[in-house]
PDB file of N, CA and C in Angstrom:
ATOM      1  N   MET A   1      15.862 -27.740   1.110  1.00  0.00           N
ATOM      2  CA  MET A   1      14.955 -27.714   0.029  1.00  0.00           C
ATOM      3  C   MET A   1      14.073 -29.074   0.185  1.00  0.00           C
ATOM      4  N   ILE A   2      12.837 -29.030   0.125  1.00  0.00           N
ATOM      5  CA  ILE A   2      12.030 -30.149   0.138  1.00  0.00           C
ATOM      6  C   ILE A   2      12.217 -30.840  -0.918  1.00  0.00           C
ATOM      7  N   ILE A   3      11.966 -32.343  -1.127  1.00  0.00           N
ATOM      8  CA  ILE A   3      11.898 -33.070  -2.313  1.00  0.00           C
ATOM      9  C   ILE A   3      10.545 -33.504  -2.724  1.00  0.00           C
ATOM     10  N   LEU A   4      10.476 -33.308  -3.997  1.00  0.00           N
ATOM     11  CA  LEU A   4       9.136 -33.436  -4.892  1.00  0.00           C
ATOM     12  C   LEU A   4       9.474 -34.369  -5.662  1.00  0.00           C
ATOM     13  N   PRO A   5       8.252 -35.228  -6.133  1.00  0.00           N
ATOM     14  CA  PRO A   5       8.476 -36.176  -7.238  1.00  0.00           C
ATOM     15  C   PRO A   5       8.935 -35.651  -8.408  1.00  0.00           C
ATOM     16  N   HIS A   6       9.722 -36.532  -9.272  1.00  0.00           N
ATOM     17  CA  HIS A   6      10.334 -36.169 -10.503  1.00  0.00           C
ATOM     18  C   HIS A   6       9.247 -36.517 -11.543  1.00  0.00           C
ATOM     19  N   ILE A   7       8.322 -35.841 -11.886  1.00  0.00           N
ATOM     20  CA  ILE A   7       7.099 -36.241 -12.728  1.00  0.00           C
ATOM     21  C   ILE A   7       7.610 -36.836 -14.219  1.00  0.00           C
ATOM     22  N   GLY A   8       8.514 -35.860 -14.719  1.00  0.00           N
ATOM     23  CA  GLY A   8       9.110 -36.298 -15.943  1.00  0.00           C
ATOM     24  C   GLY A   8       9.706 -37.747 -16.181  1.00  0.00           C
ATOM     25  N   LYS A   9      10.283 -38.109 -15.016  1.00  0.00           N
ATOM     26  CA  LYS A   9      10.823 -39.625 -14.814  1.00  0.00           C
ATOM     27  C   LYS A   9       9.874 -40.537 -14.789  1.00  0.00           C
ATOM     28  N   ILE A  10       8.820 -40.199 -13.803  1.00  0.00           N
ATOM     29  CA  ILE A  10       7.687 -40.969 -13.744  1.00  0.00           C
ATOM     30  C   ILE A  10       6.742 -41.389 -15.183  1.00  0.00           C
ATOM     31  N   ILE A  11       6.823 -40.225 -15.876  1.00  0.00           N
ATOM     32  CA  ILE A  11       6.017 -40.317 -17.217  1.00  0.00           C
ATOM     33  C   ILE A  11       6.934 -40.981 -18.135  1.00  0.00           C
ATOM     34  N   LYS A  12       8.145 -40.902 -18.140  1.00  0.00           N
ATOM     35  CA  LYS A  12       9.254 -41.576 -18.842  1.00  0.00           C
ATOM     36  C   LYS A  12       8.966 -43.126 -18.905  1.00  0.00           C
ATOM     37  N   PHE A  13       9.109 -43.492 -17.564  1.00  0.00           N
ATOM     38  CA  PHE A  13       9.210 -45.022 -17.291  1.00  0.00           C
ATOM     39  C   PHE A  13       7.800 -45.735 -17.307  1.00  0.00           C
ATOM     40  N   ASN A  14       6.626 -44.861 -17.121  1.00  0.00           N
ATOM     41  CA  ASN A  14       5.248 -45.393 -17.094  1.00  0.00           C
ATOM     42  C   ASN A  14       4.301 -44.814 -18.044  1.00  0.00           C
ATOM     43  N   SER A  15       4.843 -44.368 -19.322  1.00  0.00           N
ATOM     44  CA  SER A  15       3.942 -43.645 -20.300  1.00  0.00           C
ATOM     45  C   SER A  15       3.059 -44.619 -20.781  1.00  0.00           C
ATOM     46  N   LYS A  16       3.154 -45.777 -20.909  1.00  0.00           N
ATOM     47  CA  LYS A  16       2.062 -46.608 -21.484  1.00  0.00           C
ATOM     48  C   LYS A  16       0.931 -46.848 -20.421  1.00  0.00           C
ATOM     49  N   GLU A  17       1.689 -47.174 -19.298  1.00  0.00           N
ATOM     50  CA  GLU A  17       0.474 -47.282 -18.182  1.00  0.00           C
ATOM     51  C   GLU A  17      -0.408 -46.225 -18.023  1.00  0.00           C
ATOM     52  N   LEU A  18       0.166 -45.043 -18.253  1.00  0.00           N
ATOM     53  CA  LEU A  18      -0.406 -43.676 -17.784  1.00  0.00           C
ATOM     54  C   LEU A  18      -1.352 -43.161 -19.004  1.00  0.00           C
ATOM     55  N   LYS A  19      -0.952 -43.907 -20.193  1.00  0.00           N
ATOM     56  CA  LYS A  19      -1.658 -43.586 -21.503  1.00  0.00           C
ATOM     57  C   LYS A  19      -1.465 -42.040 -21.937  1.00  0.00           C
ATOM     58  N   ILE A  20      -0.266 -41.768 -22.064  1.00  0.00           N
ATOM     59  CA  ILE A  20       0.019 -40.352 -22.078  1.00  0.00           C
ATOM     60  C   ILE A  20      -0.133 -40.156 -23.826  1.00  0.00           C
ATOM     61  N   THR A  21      -0.723 -39.039 -24.083  1.00  0.00           N
ATOM     62  CA  THR A  21      -1.221 -39.019 -25.548  1.00  0.00           C
ATOM     63  C   THR A  21       0.116 -38.126 -26.345  1.00  0.00           C
ATOM     64  N   LYS A  22      -0.137 -38.211 -27.683  1.00  0.00           N
ATOM     65  CA  LYS A  22       1.291 -37.482 -28.323  1.00  0.00           C
ATOM     66  C   LYS A  22       0.948 -35.910 -28.055  1.00  0.00           C
ATOM     67  N   GLU A  23      -0.245 -35.398 -28.030  1.00  0.00           N
ATOM     68  CA  GLU A  23      -0.549 -34.091 -27.884  1.00  0.00           C
ATOM     69  C   GLU A  23      -0.060 -33.749 -26.442  1.00  0.00           C
ATOM     70  N   GLN A  24      -0.212 -34.639 -25.335  1.00  0.00           N
ATOM     71  CA  GLN A  24       0.130 -34.206 -24.012  1.00  0.00           C
ATOM     72  C   GLN A  24       1.608 -34.389 -24.017  1.00  0.00           C
ATOM     73  N   MET A  25       2.158 -35.174 -24.754  1.00  0.00           N
ATOM     74  CA  MET A  25       3.749 -35.122 -24.712  1.00  0.00           C
ATOM     75  C   MET A  25       4.134 -33.942 -25.354  1.00  0.00           C
ATOM     76  N   LYS A  26       3.644 -33.411 -26.363  1.00  0.00           N
ATOM     77  CA  LYS A  26       3.911 -32.159 -27.011  1.00  0.00           C
ATOM     78  C   LYS A  26       3.948 -30.963 -26.024  1.00  0.00           C
ATOM     79  N   ARG A  27       2.851 -31.012 -25.403  1.00  0.00           N
ATOM     80  CA  ARG A  27       2.576 -29.764 -24.314  1.00  0.00           C
ATOM     81  C   ARG A  27       3.623 -30.062 -23.204  1.00  0.00           C
ATOM     82  N   ILE A  28       3.753 -31.138 -22.597  1.00  0.00           N
ATOM     83  CA  ILE A  28       4.909 -31.262 -21.708  1.00  0.00           C
ATOM     84  C   ILE A  28       6.123 -30.881 -22.066  1.00  0.00           C
ATOM     85  N   SER A  29       6.564 -31.184 -23.403  1.00  0.00           N
ATOM     86  CA  SER A  29       7.663 -30.723 -23.792  1.00  0.00           C
ATOM     87  C   SER A  29       8.059 -29.215 -23.998  1.00  0.00           C
ATOM     88  N   LYS A  30       6.900 -28.488 -24.428  1.00  0.00           N
ATOM     89  CA  LYS A  30       6.806 -27.440 -24.523  1.00  0.00           C
ATOM     90  C   LYS A  30       6.514 -26.290 -23.446  1.00  0.00           C
ATOM     91  N   GLU A  31       5.478 -26.762 -22.462  1.00  0.00           N
ATOM     92  CA  GLU A  31       5.244 -25.953 -21.279  1.00  0.00           C
ATOM     93  C   GLU A  31       6.006 -26.491 -20.091  1.00  0.00           C
ATOM     94  N   VAL A  32       6.757 -27.482 -20.209  1.00  0.00           N
ATOM     95  CA  VAL A  32       7.133 -27.864 -18.748  1.00  0.00           C
ATOM     96  C   VAL A  32       8.526 -27.828 -19.247  1.00  0.00           C
ATOM     97  N   LYS A  33       9.179 -28.895 -19.983  1.00  0.00           N
ATOM     98  CA  LYS A  33      10.511 -29.398 -20.140  1.00  0.00           C
ATOM     99  C   LYS A  33      11.690 -28.143 -20.756  1.00  0.00           C
ATOM    100  N   GLN A  34      10.866 -27.036 -21.652  1.00  0.00           N
ATOM    101  CA  GLN A  34      11.714 -26.152 -22.143  1.00  0.00           C
ATOM    102  C   GLN A  34      11.610 -25.006 -21.134  1.00  0.00           C
ATOM    103  N   VAL A  35      10.686 -24.884 -20.352  1.00  0.00           N
ATOM    104  CA  VAL A  35      10.394 -23.720 -19.353  1.00  0.00           C
ATOM    105  C   VAL A  35      11.015 -23.740 -17.968  1.00  0.00           C
ATOM    106  N   TYR A  36      10.721 -24.823 -17.348  1.00  0.00           N
ATOM    107  CA  TYR A  36      11.065 -24.970 -16.022  1.00  0.00           C
ATOM    108  C   TYR A  36      12.560 -25.447 -15.441  1.00  0.00           C
ATOM    109  N   PRO A  37      12.926 -26.481 -16.186  1.00  0.00           N
ATOM    110  CA  PRO A  37      14.547 -26.982 -15.905  1.00  0.00           C
ATOM    111  C   PRO A  37      15.654 -25.877 -16.228  1.00  0.00           C
ATOM    112  N   PRO A  38      15.529 -25.071 -17.292  1.00  0.00           N
ATOM    113  CA  PRO A  38      16.584 -24.110 -17.327  1.00  0.00           C
ATOM    114  C   PRO A  38      16.464 -23.052 -16.133  1.00  0.00           C
ATOM    115  N   LYS A  39      15.299 -22.649 -15.755  1.00  0.00           N
ATOM    116  CA  LYS A  39      15.191 -21.701 -14.736  1.00  0.00           C
ATOM    117  C   LYS A  39      15.642 -22.458 -13.423  1.00  0.00           C
ATOM    118  N   PHE A  40      15.228 -23.587 -12.997  1.00  0.00           N
ATOM    119  CA  PHE A  40      15.856 -24.271 -11.989  1.00  0.00           C
ATOM    120  C   PHE A  40      17.182 -24.508 -11.828  1.00  0.00           C
ATOM    121  N   GLN A  41      17.738 -24.961 -12.765  1.00  0.00           N
ATOM    122  CA  GLN A  41      19.072 -25.257 -12.894  1.00  0.00           C
ATOM    123  C   GLN A  41      19.982 -24.112 -12.760  1.00  0.00           C
ATOM    124  N   ALA A  42      19.616 -23.004 -13.441  1.00  0.00           N
ATOM    125  CA  ALA A  42      20.171 -21.659 -13.086  1.00  0.00           C
ATOM    126  C   ALA A  42      20.381 -21.241 -11.712  1.00  0.00           C
ATOM    127  N   LEU A  43      19.324 -21.521 -10.877  1.00  0.00           N
ATOM    128  CA  LEU A  43      19.364 -21.057  -9.471  1.00  0.00           C
ATOM    129  C   LEU A  43      20.209 -22.099  -8.718  1.00  0.00           C
ATOM    130  N   ILE A  44      20.119 -23.271  -9.028  1.00  0.00           N
ATOM    131  CA  ILE A  44      20.777 -24.394  -8.165  1.00  0.00           C
ATOM    132  C   ILE A  44      22.521 -24.100  -8.799  1.00  0.00           C
ATOM    133  N   ARG A  45      22.836 -23.576  -9.841  1.00  0.00           N
ATOM    134  CA  ARG A  45      24.313 -23.382 -10.253  1.00  0.00           C
ATOM    135  C   ARG A  45      24.703 -22.050  -9.464  1.00  0.00           C
ATOM    136  N   GLU A  46      23.855 -21.056  -9.324  1.00  0.00           N
ATOM    137  CA  GLU A  46      24.176 -19.981  -8.772  1.00  0.00           C
ATOM    138  C   GLU A  46      24.270 -20.215  -7.056  1.00  0.00           C
ATOM    139  N   ALA A  47      23.773 -21.375  -6.563  1.00  0.00           N
ATOM    140  CA  ALA A  47      23.746 -21.506  -5.230  1.00  0.00           C
ATOM    141  C   ALA A  47      24.860 -22.478  -4.804  1.00  0.00           C
ATOM    142  N   PHE A  48      25.273 -23.165  -5.709  1.00  0.00           N
ATOM    143  CA  PHE A  48      26.451 -24.351  -5.591  1.00  0.00           C
ATOM    144  C   PHE A  48      27.658 -23.673  -5.138  1.00  0.00           C
ATOM    145  N   PRO A  49      28.081 -22.583  -5.707  1.00  0.00           N
ATOM    146  CA  PRO A  49      29.437 -21.921  -5.146  1.00  0.00           C
ATOM    147  C   PRO A  49      29.331 -21.178  -4.074  1.00  0.00           C
ATOM    148  N   ILE A  50      28.263 -20.737  -3.727  1.00  0.00           N
ATOM    149  CA  ILE A  50      28.044 -19.990  -2.390  1.00  0.00           C
ATOM    150  C   ILE A  50      27.926 -20.970  -1.158  1.00  0.00           C
ATOM    151  N   GLU A  51      27.517 -22.166  -1.499  1.00  0.00           N
ATOM    152  CA  GLU A  51      27.482 -23.342  -0.604  1.00  0.00           C
ATOM    153  C   GLU A  51      28.914 -23.694  -0.329  1.00  0.00           C
ATOM    154  N   LYS A  52      29.679 -23.815  -1.341  1.00  0.00           N
ATOM    155  CA  LYS A  52      31.321 -24.276  -1.283  1.00  0.00           C
ATOM    156  C   LYS A  52      32.124 -23.295  -0.522  1.00  0.00           C
ATOM    157  N   LYS A  53      31.586 -22.124  -0.652  1.00  0.00           N
ATOM    158  CA  LYS A  53      32.333 -20.809   0.138  1.00  0.00           C
ATOM    159  C   LYS A  53      32.010 -21.116   1.549  1.00  0.00           C
ATOM    160  N   VAL A  54      30.702 -21.269   1.816  1.00  0.00           N
ATOM    161  CA  VAL A  54      30.220 -21.464   3.363  1.00  0.00           C
ATOM    162  C   VAL A  54      30.922 -22.676   3.828  1.00  0.00           C
ATOM    163  N   GLN A  55      31.021 -23.668   3.204  1.00  0.00           N
ATOM    164  CA  GLN A  55      31.588 -25.108   3.654  1.00  0.00           C
ATOM    165  C   GLN A  55      33.285 -24.735   4.065  1.00  0.00           C
ATOM    166  N   ARG A  56      33.848 -23.916   2.960  1.00  0.00           N
ATOM    167  CA  ARG A  56      35.398 -23.708   3.118  1.00  0.00           C
ATOM    168  C   ARG A  56      35.421 -22.824   4.461  1.00  0.00           C
ATOM    169  N   LYS A  57      34.576 -21.717   4.612  1.00  0.00           N
ATOM    170  CA  LYS A  57      34.580 -20.645   5.740  1.00  0.00           C
ATOM    171  C   LYS A  57      34.311 -21.452   7.171  1.00  0.00           C
ATOM    172  N   VAL A  58      33.469 -22.591   7.093  1.00  0.00           N
ATOM    173  CA  VAL A  58      32.857 -23.004   8.145  1.00  0.00           C
ATOM    174  C   VAL A  58      33.948 -24.036   8.561  1.00  0.00           C
ATOM    175  N   LEU A  59      34.690 -24.667   7.732  1.00  0.00           N
ATOM    176  CA  LEU A  59      35.816 -25.716   8.270  1.00  0.00           C
ATOM    177  C   LEU A  59      37.177 -24.996   8.574  1.00  0.00           C
ATOM    178  N   LYS A  60      37.133 -23.536   8.247  1.00  0.00           N
ATOM    179  CA  LYS A  60      38.113 -22.557   8.804  1.00  0.00           C
ATOM    180  C   LYS A  60      37.765 -22.072  10.273  1.00  0.00           C
ATOM    181  N   GLY A  61      36.755 -22.272  10.635  1.00  0.00           N
ATOM    182  CA  GLY A  61      36.057 -21.945  11.966  1.00  0.00           C
ATOM    183  C   GLY A  61      35.096 -20.855  11.979  1.00  0.00           C
ATOM    184  N   ALA A  62      34.673 -20.496  10.853  1.00  0.00           N
ATOM    185  CA  ALA A  62      33.622 -19.484  10.929  1.00  0.00           C
ATOM    186  C   ALA A  62      32.396 -19.984  11.644  1.00  0.00           C
ATOM    187  N   THR A  63      31.855 -18.881  12.397  1.00  0.00           N
ATOM    188  CA  THR A  63      30.401 -19.211  13.032  1.00  0.00           C
ATOM    189  C   THR A  63      29.342 -18.891  12.160  1.00  0.00           C
ATOM    190  N   TYR A  64      28.205 -19.410  12.676  1.00  0.00           N
ATOM    191  CA  TYR A  64      26.946 -19.008  11.878  1.00  0.00           C
ATOM    192  C   TYR A  64      26.703 -17.631  11.608  1.00  0.00           C
ATOM    193  N   SER A  65      26.828 -16.622  12.536  1.00  0.00           N
ATOM    194  CA  SER A  65      26.855 -15.262  12.180  1.00  0.00           C
ATOM    195  C   SER A  65      27.661 -14.778  11.294  1.00  0.00           C
ATOM    196  N   GLU A  66      28.851 -15.353  11.116  1.00  0.00           N
ATOM    197  CA  GLU A  66      29.704 -14.834   9.982  1.00  0.00           C
ATOM    198  C   GLU A  66      29.547 -15.317   8.521  1.00  0.00           C
ATOM    199  N   VAL A  67      28.549 -16.422   8.554  1.00  0.00           N
ATOM    200  CA  VAL A  67      28.352 -16.842   7.282  1.00  0.00           C
ATOM    201  C   VAL A  67      26.689 -16.411   6.859  1.00  0.00           C
ATOM    202  N   LYS A  68      26.177 -15.749   7.782  1.00  0.00           N
ATOM    203  CA  LYS A  68      24.796 -15.599   7.799  1.00  0.00           C
ATOM    204  C   LYS A  68      24.250 -15.176   6.299  1.00  0.00           C
ATOM    205  N   GLU A  69      25.026 -13.962   5.844  1.00  0.00           N
ATOM    206  CA  GLU A  69      24.792 -13.432   4.551  1.00  0.00           C
ATOM    207  C   GLU A  69      24.552 -14.557   3.457  1.00  0.00           C
ATOM    208  N   GLU A  70      25.763 -15.386   3.454  1.00  0.00           N
ATOM    209  CA  GLU A  70      25.599 -16.254   2.423  1.00  0.00           C
ATOM    210  C   GLU A  70      24.525 -17.464   2.631  1.00  0.00           C
ATOM    211  N   LEU A  71      24.282 -17.690   3.865  1.00  0.00           N
ATOM    212  CA  LEU A  71      23.254 -18.572   4.091  1.00  0.00           C
ATOM    213  C   LEU A  71      21.907 -18.088   3.659  1.00  0.00           C
ATOM    214  N   ASP A  72      21.841 -16.640   4.050  1.00  0.00           N
ATOM    215  CA  ASP A  72      20.460 -16.046   3.561  1.00  0.00           C
ATOM    216  C   ASP A  72      20.290 -16.219   1.818  1.00  0.00           C
ATOM    217  N   LYS A  73      21.275 -15.912   1.321  1.00  0.00           N
ATOM    218  CA  LYS A  73      21.169 -15.868  -0.219  1.00  0.00           C
ATOM    219  C   LYS A  73      21.002 -17.409  -0.766  1.00  0.00           C
ATOM    220  N   ILE A  74      21.632 -18.240  -0.094  1.00  0.00           N
ATOM    221  CA  ILE A  74      21.435 -19.726  -0.441  1.00  0.00           C
ATOM    222  C   ILE A  74      20.012 -19.955  -0.414  1.00  0.00           C
ATOM    223  N   ALA A  75      19.227 -19.770   1.066  1.00  0.00           N
ATOM    224  CA  ALA A  75      18.077 -19.899   1.161  1.00  0.00           C
ATOM    225  C   ALA A  75      17.071 -19.271   0.002  1.00  0.00           C
ATOM    226  N   LYS A  76      17.244 -17.977  -0.150  1.00  0.00           N
ATOM    227  CA  LYS A  76      16.466 -17.420  -1.344  1.00  0.00           C
ATOM    228  C   LYS A  76      16.594 -18.022  -2.511  1.00  0.00           C
ATOM    229  N   LEU A  77      17.890 -18.505  -2.973  1.00  0.00           N
ATOM    230  CA  LEU A  77      17.836 -19.243  -4.191  1.00  0.00           C
ATOM    231  C   LEU A  77      16.863 -20.634  -4.170  1.00  0.00           C
ATOM    232  N   LYS A  78      17.344 -21.279  -2.913  1.00  0.00           N
ATOM    233  CA  LYS A  78      16.623 -22.509  -2.981  1.00  0.00           C
ATOM    234  C   LYS A  78      15.016 -22.429  -2.893  1.00  0.00           C
ATOM    235  N   ARG A  79      14.520 -21.225  -2.314  1.00  0.00           N
ATOM    236  CA  ARG A  79      13.275 -20.953  -2.167  1.00  0.00           C
ATOM    237  C   ARG A  79      12.497 -20.738  -3.481  1.00  0.00           C
ATOM    238  N   GLU A  80      13.546 -19.947  -4.377  1.00  0.00           N
ATOM    239  CA  GLU A  80      13.061 -19.554  -5.718  1.00  0.00           C
ATOM    240  C   GLU A  80      13.043 -21.030  -6.550  1.00  0.00           C
ATOM    241  N   ALA A  81      14.035 -21.778  -6.335  1.00  0.00           N
ATOM    242  CA  ALA A  81      13.933 -23.016  -7.099  1.00  0.00           C
ATOM    243  C   ALA A  81      12.847 -24.054  -6.731  1.00  0.00           C
ATOM    244  N   ILE A  82      12.498 -24.024  -5.295  1.00  0.00           N
ATOM    245  CA  ILE A  82      11.269 -24.897  -5.125  1.00  0.00           C
ATOM    246  C   ILE A  82       9.988 -24.376  -5.874  1.00  0.00           C
ATOM    247  N   ASN A  83       9.817 -23.054  -5.742  1.00  0.00           N
ATOM    248  CA  ASN A  83       8.690 -22.378  -6.260  1.00  0.00           C
ATOM    249  C   ASN A  83       8.557 -22.870  -7.760  1.00  0.00           C
ATOM    250  N   ILE A  84       9.783 -22.793  -8.377  1.00  0.00           N
ATOM    251  CA  ILE A  84       9.814 -23.399  -9.870  1.00  0.00           C
ATOM    252  C   ILE A  84       9.174 -24.621 -10.048  1.00  0.00           C
ATOM    253  N   LYS A  85       9.865 -25.513  -9.073  1.00  0.00           N
ATOM    254  CA  LYS A  85       9.450 -26.973  -9.150  1.00  0.00           C
ATOM    255  C   LYS A  85       7.872 -27.195  -8.853  1.00  0.00           C
ATOM    256  N   ILE A  86       7.240 -26.429  -7.903  1.00  0.00           N
ATOM    257  CA  ILE A  86       5.939 -26.251  -7.560  1.00  0.00           C
ATOM    258  C   ILE A  86       5.107 -25.939  -8.676  1.00  0.00           C
ATOM    259  N   GLU A  87       5.535 -24.978  -9.469  1.00  0.00           N
ATOM    260  CA  GLU A  87       5.021 -24.490 -10.762  1.00  0.00           C
ATOM    261  C   GLU A  87       4.876 -25.478 -11.885  1.00  0.00           C
ATOM    262  N   ALA A  88       5.936 -26.135 -12.029  1.00  0.00           N
ATOM    263  CA  ALA A  88       6.224 -27.202 -12.938  1.00  0.00           C
ATOM    264  C   ALA A  88       5.118 -28.364 -12.654  1.00  0.00           C
ATOM    265  N   LEU A  89       4.908 -28.638 -11.278  1.00  0.00           N
ATOM    266  CA  LEU A  89       3.994 -29.736 -11.046  1.00  0.00           C
ATOM    267  C   LEU A  89       2.741 -29.338 -11.127  1.00  0.00           C
ATOM    268  N   ASN A  90       2.485 -28.208 -11.003  1.00  0.00           N
ATOM    269  CA  ASN A  90       1.159 -27.606 -11.499  1.00  0.00           C
ATOM    270  C   ASN A  90       0.749 -27.471 -12.884  1.00  0.00           C
ATOM    271  N   THR A  91       1.697 -27.356 -13.534  1.00  0.00           N
ATOM    272  CA  THR A  91       1.593 -27.474 -15.028  1.00  0.00           C
ATOM    273  C   THR A  91       1.322 -28.670 -15.645  1.00  0.00           C
ATOM    274  N   PHE A  92       2.281 -29.588 -15.190  1.00  0.00           N
ATOM    275  CA  PHE A  92       1.939 -31.050 -15.294  1.00  0.00           C
ATOM    276  C   PHE A  92       0.504 -31.671 -15.059  1.00  0.00           C
ATOM    277  N   SER A  93       0.114 -31.063 -13.946  1.00  0.00           N
ATOM    278  CA  SER A  93      -1.162 -31.576 -13.449  1.00  0.00           C
ATOM    279  C   SER A  93      -2.497 -30.915 -14.423  1.00  0.00           C
ATOM    280  N   SER A  94      -1.966 -29.849 -14.908  1.00  0.00           N
ATOM    281  CA  SER A  94      -3.004 -29.292 -15.759  1.00  0.00           C
ATOM    282  C   SER A  94      -2.961 -29.518 -17.164  1.00  0.00           C
ATOM    283  N   ILE A  95      -1.938 -30.400 -17.616  1.00  0.00           N
ATOM    284  CA  ILE A  95      -1.895 -31.007 -18.959  1.00  0.00           C
ATOM    285  C   ILE A  95      -2.759 -32.382 -18.821  1.00  0.00           C
ATOM    286  N   LEU A  96      -2.439 -33.134 -17.784  1.00  0.00           N
ATOM    287  CA  LEU A  96      -2.742 -34.443 -17.550  1.00  0.00           C
ATOM    288  C   LEU A  96      -4.212 -34.476 -17.249  1.00  0.00           C
ATOM    289  N   THR A  97      -4.736 -35.676 -17.423  1.00  0.00           N
ATOM    290  CA  THR A  97      -6.333 -35.880 -16.939  1.00  0.00           C
ATOM    291  C   THR A  97      -6.137 -36.242 -15.300  1.00  0.00           C
ATOM    292  N   LYS A  98      -7.287 -35.920 -14.774  1.00  0.00           N
ATOM    293  CA  LYS A  98      -7.387 -36.309 -13.389  1.00  0.00           C
ATOM    294  C   LYS A  98      -7.076 -37.874 -13.044  1.00  0.00           C
ATOM    295  N   GLN A  99      -7.434 -38.595 -13.857  1.00  0.00           N
ATOM    296  CA  GLN A  99      -7.004 -40.011 -13.772  1.00  0.00           C
ATOM    297  C   GLN A  99      -5.405 -40.445 -13.955  1.00  0.00           C
ATOM    298  N   GLN A 100      -4.893 -39.697 -14.846  1.00  0.00           N
ATOM    299  CA  GLN A 100      -3.386 -39.706 -15.088  1.00  0.00           C
ATOM    300  C   GLN A 100      -2.644 -39.281 -13.663  1.00  0.00           C
ATOM    301  N   TRP A 101      -3.039 -38.028 -13.389  1.00  0.00           N
ATOM    302  CA  TRP A 101      -2.444 -37.516 -12.198  1.00  0.00           C
ATOM    303  C   TRP A 101      -2.539 -38.231 -11.008  1.00  0.00           C
ATOM    304  N   LYS A 102      -3.765 -38.915 -10.918  1.00  0.00           N
ATOM    305  CA  LYS A 102      -3.993 -39.782  -9.547  1.00  0.00           C
ATOM    306  C   LYS A 102      -2.902 -40.977  -9.659  1.00  0.00           C
ATOM    307  N   LYS A 103      -2.706 -41.552 -10.919  1.00  0.00           N
ATOM    308  CA  LYS A 103      -1.713 -42.592 -11.252  1.00  0.00           C
ATOM    309  C   LYS A 103      -0.243 -42.270 -10.827  1.00  0.00           C
ATOM    310  N   ILE A 104       0.036 -41.060 -11.384  1.00  0.00           N
ATOM    311  CA  ILE A 104       1.243 -40.239 -11.047  1.00  0.00           C
ATOM    312  C   ILE A 104       1.622 -40.278  -9.604  1.00  0.00           C
ATOM    313  N   ILE A 105       0.447 -39.481  -8.857  1.00  0.00           N
ATOM    314  CA  ILE A 105       0.693 -39.547  -7.330  1.00  0.00           C
ATOM    315  C   ILE A 105       0.906 -40.939  -6.791  1.00  0.00           C
ATOM    316  N   LYS A 106       0.244 -41.893  -7.344  1.00  0.00           N
ATOM    317  CA  LYS A 106       0.385 -43.209  -6.444  1.00  0.00           C
ATOM    318  C   LYS A 106       1.787 -43.761  -7.072  1.00  0.00           C
ATOM    319  N   LEU A 107       2.350 -43.530  -8.016  1.00  0.00           N
ATOM    320  CA  LEU A 107       3.862 -43.964  -8.401  1.00  0.00           C
ATOM    321  C   LEU A 107       4.782 -43.286  -7.939  1.00  0.00           C
ATOM    322  N   SER A 108       4.364 -41.996  -7.317  1.00  0.00           N
ATOM    323  CA  SER A 108       5.464 -41.235  -6.789  1.00  0.00           C
ATOM    324  C   SER A 108       5.818 -41.532  -5.315  1.00  0.00           C
ATOM    325  N   LYS A 109       4.838 -42.346  -4.993  1.00  0.00           N
ATOM    326  CA  LYS A 109       5.047 -42.516  -3.300  1.00  0.00           C
ATOM    327  C   LYS A 109       6.018 -43.763  -3.076  1.00  0.00           C
TER     328      LYS A 109
END
């Protein structure tokens, strides 16, 4: 899974510099925080036991072909999770002004 910036943390620690309005914070809470994290976490929680199962099998000598089905399932779940993160980032960018978004991009590097 690719690593994307955690916009919520950037906003939390830089809200004054970013000049986030109360209305934007309400929208972020309603449109991002209440929507995406539960979906994302559910997929990650579903993938975790499968990952542990694969680890145990591999340590007992399983080959990649013997764990292919589990690996495919993990890949599918993580793909869905990254899609959710991308949707969340796009929602953040639609809530914020262009100037705020540019500052967030700069802060996330």
